[in-house]
Structure formats: C-alpha cells, structure tokens
Amino acid sequence: MPIRSVITFRLALANGATLVLGDRTALLPGDDLLAFLAHHAIQIVTLPPTALAALPPGAESKLPALATITVAGEACPAELVRRFAPGRRFFNLYGPTEATIWSTAAELVAGDV
C-alpha cells in the first residue's frame, strides 16, 4: 500500500471523518466520479487537476457538500481554480516526485490566479 494512502486514511480517521472508498469504475474522471462525489456527499477530496478538469460542465454546482478541494500530482491551471474555488477552500499541493506527492500547500482563491 503506498504511503500516500496511509496518510489519507490517517488524516480522515484521526479527525473523526468518514473515509469513503470507491471502486475503480466509480472513481474514473467524468460523470462517474461526479455521481460518486454527489451520492456520498463528499466534503473533502484530493484529485489530480486532470481528474477535476474532466468533471462535466456544471459539476461545481452539483456538489453542494464539497467544502474543500485539494489538487496534487501535476500543475493546476488557473481555470480550475476559477471554476471550483468559489464557495469552498481550494488547495494546490506540491512536492517533488522523488520525495512525495506533496510537501507544501497553498490555498488558492479564484480572484488571485
């Protein structure tokens, strides 16, 4: 099991959150992922920017429970911040691939990028 998943499990469970796991089909970027996030009323999610970008138009308004988005693993285009940050916290996580997926984090606001 990669260390990244252990950290994710620990962050959720140590804070009293519910950890929701999906199968590969439910987590494919696009309509399936949107349906999974909405059905489970996911409040916090970490995705690569390309997975977030693959959500269908209007997805941002179909996820009222989603309060915090973190993106990691690749560069985050400003358009994603403009699209998904309003009304929620949006973090860009960064880390050199050799060490970790993220070692630093910056909160992004739509008007700042």
C-alpha atoms as a PDB file:
ATOM      1  CA  MET A   1       0.000   0.000   0.000  1.00  0.00           C
ATOM      2  CA  PRO A   2       1.566   3.322  -0.977  1.00  0.00           C
ATOM      3  CA  ILE A   3       2.391   5.730   1.841  1.00  0.00           C
ATOM      4  CA  ARG A   4       0.056   8.304   0.275  1.00  0.00           C
ATOM      5  CA  SER A   5      -2.965   6.126   1.025  1.00  0.00           C
ATOM      6  CA  VAL A   6      -1.848   5.577   4.628  1.00  0.00           C
ATOM      7  CA  ILE A   7      -1.619   9.340   5.144  1.00  0.00           C
ATOM      8  CA  THR A   8      -5.056   9.840   3.582  1.00  0.00           C
ATOM      9  CA  PHE A   9      -6.617   7.170   5.808  1.00  0.00           C
ATOM     10  CA  ARG A  10      -4.966   8.581   8.904  1.00  0.00           C
ATOM     11  CA  LEU A  11      -5.951  12.188   8.209  1.00  0.00           C
ATOM     12  CA  ALA A  12      -9.593  11.199   7.797  1.00  0.00           C
ATOM     13  CA  LEU A  13      -9.936   8.756  10.652  1.00  0.00           C
ATOM     14  CA  ALA A  14      -7.818  10.669  13.181  1.00  0.00           C
ATOM     15  CA  ASN A  15     -10.141  13.643  12.722  1.00  0.00           C
ATOM     16  CA  GLY A  16     -13.354  11.676  13.144  1.00  0.00           C
ATOM     17  CA  ALA A  17     -14.273  11.830   9.460  1.00  0.00           C
ATOM     18  CA  THR A  18     -15.809   9.074   7.395  1.00  0.00           C
ATOM     19  CA  LEU A  19     -13.446   7.655   4.814  1.00  0.00           C
ATOM     20  CA  VAL A  20     -15.345   6.766   1.633  1.00  0.00           C
ATOM     21  CA  LEU A  21     -13.697   4.311  -0.733  1.00  0.00           C
ATOM     22  CA  GLY A  22     -14.887   3.671  -4.256  1.00  0.00           C
ATOM     23  CA  ASP A  23     -14.152   1.047  -6.831  1.00  0.00           C
ATOM     24  CA  ARG A  24     -12.204   1.833  -9.990  1.00  0.00           C
ATOM     25  CA  THR A  25     -15.349   2.480 -12.031  1.00  0.00           C
ATOM     26  CA  ALA A  26     -16.785   4.992  -9.565  1.00  0.00           C
ATOM     27  CA  LEU A  27     -13.527   6.888  -9.425  1.00  0.00           C
ATOM     28  CA  LEU A  28     -12.971   7.300 -13.163  1.00  0.00           C
ATOM     29  CA  PRO A  29     -12.850  11.007 -14.048  1.00  0.00           C
ATOM     30  CA  GLY A  30     -16.041  12.356 -15.577  1.00  0.00           C
ATOM     31  CA  ASP A  31     -19.701  11.571 -14.952  1.00  0.00           C
ATOM     32  CA  ASP A  32     -18.994   8.508 -12.769  1.00  0.00           C
ATOM     33  CA  LEU A  33     -16.784  10.483 -10.407  1.00  0.00           C
ATOM     34  CA  LEU A  34     -19.320  13.317 -10.211  1.00  0.00           C
ATOM     35  CA  ALA A  35     -22.088  10.839  -9.363  1.00  0.00           C
ATOM     36  CA  PHE A  36     -19.911   9.200  -6.689  1.00  0.00           C
ATOM     37  CA  LEU A  37     -18.988  12.517  -5.054  1.00  0.00           C
ATOM     38  CA  ALA A  38     -22.597  13.736  -5.085  1.00  0.00           C
ATOM     39  CA  HIS A  39     -24.144  10.447  -3.906  1.00  0.00           C
ATOM     40  CA  HIS A  40     -21.806  10.208  -0.914  1.00  0.00           C
ATOM     41  CA  ALA A  41     -21.948  13.958  -0.162  1.00  0.00           C
ATOM     42  CA  ILE A  42     -18.138  14.052  -0.141  1.00  0.00           C
ATOM     43  CA  GLN A  43     -16.881  17.082   1.782  1.00  0.00           C
ATOM     44  CA  ILE A  44     -13.128  16.868   1.142  1.00  0.00           C
ATOM     45  CA  VAL A  45     -11.420  15.430  -1.932  1.00  0.00           C
ATOM     46  CA  THR A  46      -7.881  15.216  -3.293  1.00  0.00           C
ATOM     47  CA  LEU A  47      -7.614  14.777  -7.058  1.00  0.00           C
ATOM     48  CA  PRO A  48      -5.091  15.373  -9.794  1.00  0.00           C
ATOM     49  CA  PRO A  49      -6.053  18.525 -11.711  1.00  0.00           C
ATOM     50  CA  THR A  50      -6.778  16.487 -14.849  1.00  0.00           C
ATOM     51  CA  ALA A  51      -9.412  14.445 -12.983  1.00  0.00           C
ATOM     52  CA  LEU A  52     -11.023  17.630 -11.668  1.00  0.00           C
ATOM     53  CA  ALA A  53     -10.960  19.140 -15.168  1.00  0.00           C
ATOM     54  CA  ALA A  54     -12.688  16.022 -16.561  1.00  0.00           C
ATOM     55  CA  LEU A  55     -15.799  16.624 -14.461  1.00  0.00           C
ATOM     56  CA  PRO A  56     -18.649  17.700 -16.744  1.00  0.00           C
ATOM     57  CA  PRO A  57     -19.679  21.347 -17.138  1.00  0.00           C
ATOM     58  CA  GLY A  58     -21.756  22.487 -14.182  1.00  0.00           C
ATOM     59  CA  ALA A  59     -20.249  19.879 -11.842  1.00  0.00           C
ATOM     60  CA  GLU A  60     -19.112  22.561  -9.431  1.00  0.00           C
ATOM     61  CA  SER A  61     -22.743  23.479  -8.656  1.00  0.00           C
ATOM     62  CA  LYS A  62     -23.826  19.827  -8.306  1.00  0.00           C
ATOM     63  CA  LEU A  63     -21.524  19.248  -5.326  1.00  0.00           C
ATOM     64  CA  PRO A  64     -23.004  21.371  -2.515  1.00  0.00           C
ATOM     65  CA  ALA A  65     -21.387  19.273   0.234  1.00  0.00           C
ATOM     66  CA  LEU A  66     -17.893  19.618  -1.239  1.00  0.00           C
ATOM     67  CA  ALA A  67     -16.221  22.152   1.056  1.00  0.00           C
ATOM     68  CA  THR A  68     -12.529  21.523   0.377  1.00  0.00           C
ATOM     69  CA  ILE A  69     -10.695  20.515  -2.783  1.00  0.00           C
ATOM     70  CA  THR A  70      -7.015  19.695  -2.870  1.00  0.00           C
ATOM     71  CA  VAL A  71      -5.220  19.071  -6.133  1.00  0.00           C
ATOM     72  CA  ALA A  72      -1.852  17.339  -6.361  1.00  0.00           C
ATOM     73  CA  GLY A  73       0.430  15.489  -8.712  1.00  0.00           C
ATOM     74  CA  GLU A  74       0.627  17.996 -11.562  1.00  0.00           C
ATOM     75  CA  ALA A  75       0.295  21.697 -12.353  1.00  0.00           C
ATOM     76  CA  CYS A  76      -3.103  23.214 -11.620  1.00  0.00           C
ATOM     77  CA  PRO A  77      -4.450  25.548 -14.316  1.00  0.00           C
ATOM     78  CA  ALA A  78      -5.953  28.842 -13.136  1.00  0.00           C
ATOM     79  CA  GLU A  79      -9.204  27.927 -14.919  1.00  0.00           C
ATOM     80  CA  LEU A  80      -9.792  25.087 -12.450  1.00  0.00           C
ATOM     81  CA  VAL A  81      -9.372  27.478  -9.542  1.00  0.00           C
ATOM     82  CA  ARG A  82     -11.800  29.952 -11.130  1.00  0.00           C
ATOM     83  CA  ARG A  83     -14.278  27.147 -11.750  1.00  0.00           C
ATOM     84  CA  PHE A  84     -14.149  25.209  -8.477  1.00  0.00           C
ATOM     85  CA  ALA A  85     -12.805  27.548  -5.746  1.00  0.00           C
ATOM     86  CA  PRO A  86     -15.754  29.934  -5.286  1.00  0.00           C
ATOM     87  CA  GLY A  87     -17.635  28.961  -2.145  1.00  0.00           C
ATOM     88  CA  ARG A  88     -15.102  26.379  -0.991  1.00  0.00           C
ATOM     89  CA  ARG A  89     -11.480  26.030   0.097  1.00  0.00           C
ATOM     90  CA  PHE A  90      -9.126  25.068  -2.722  1.00  0.00           C
ATOM     91  CA  PHE A  91      -5.541  23.969  -2.086  1.00  0.00           C
ATOM     92  CA  ASN A  92      -2.730  23.265  -4.512  1.00  0.00           C
ATOM     93  CA  LEU A  93      -0.391  20.654  -3.033  1.00  0.00           C
ATOM     94  CA  TYR A  94       3.135  20.372  -4.346  1.00  0.00           C
ATOM     95  CA  GLY A  95       6.053  18.069  -3.793  1.00  0.00           C
ATOM     96  CA  PRO A  96       8.973  16.810  -5.836  1.00  0.00           C
ATOM     97  CA  THR A  97       8.026  13.422  -7.256  1.00  0.00           C
ATOM     98  CA  GLU A  98      11.141  11.807  -5.842  1.00  0.00           C
ATOM     99  CA  ALA A  99      10.046  12.635  -2.296  1.00  0.00           C
ATOM    100  CA  THR A 100       6.282  12.876  -2.089  1.00  0.00           C
ATOM    101  CA  ILE A 101       3.145  13.919  -3.898  1.00  0.00           C
ATOM    102  CA  TRP A 102       3.005  16.957  -1.652  1.00  0.00           C
ATOM    103  CA  SER A 103       5.275  18.607   0.837  1.00  0.00           C
ATOM    104  CA  THR A 104       3.930  22.146   0.537  1.00  0.00           C
ATOM    105  CA  ALA A 105       0.420  23.524   0.177  1.00  0.00           C
ATOM    106  CA  ALA A 106      -1.038  26.847  -0.897  1.00  0.00           C
ATOM    107  CA  GLU A 107      -4.648  27.900  -0.599  1.00  0.00           C
ATOM    108  CA  LEU A 108      -5.833  29.388  -3.886  1.00  0.00           C
ATOM    109  CA  VAL A 109      -8.639  31.898  -4.361  1.00  0.00           C
ATOM    110  CA  ALA A 110     -10.271  32.404  -7.738  1.00  0.00           C
ATOM    111  CA  GLY A 111      -9.515  36.133  -7.868  1.00  0.00           C
ATOM    112  CA  ASP A 112      -5.835  35.620  -7.064  1.00  0.00           C
ATOM    113  CA  VAL A 113      -4.889  33.496 -10.088  1.00  0.00           C
END
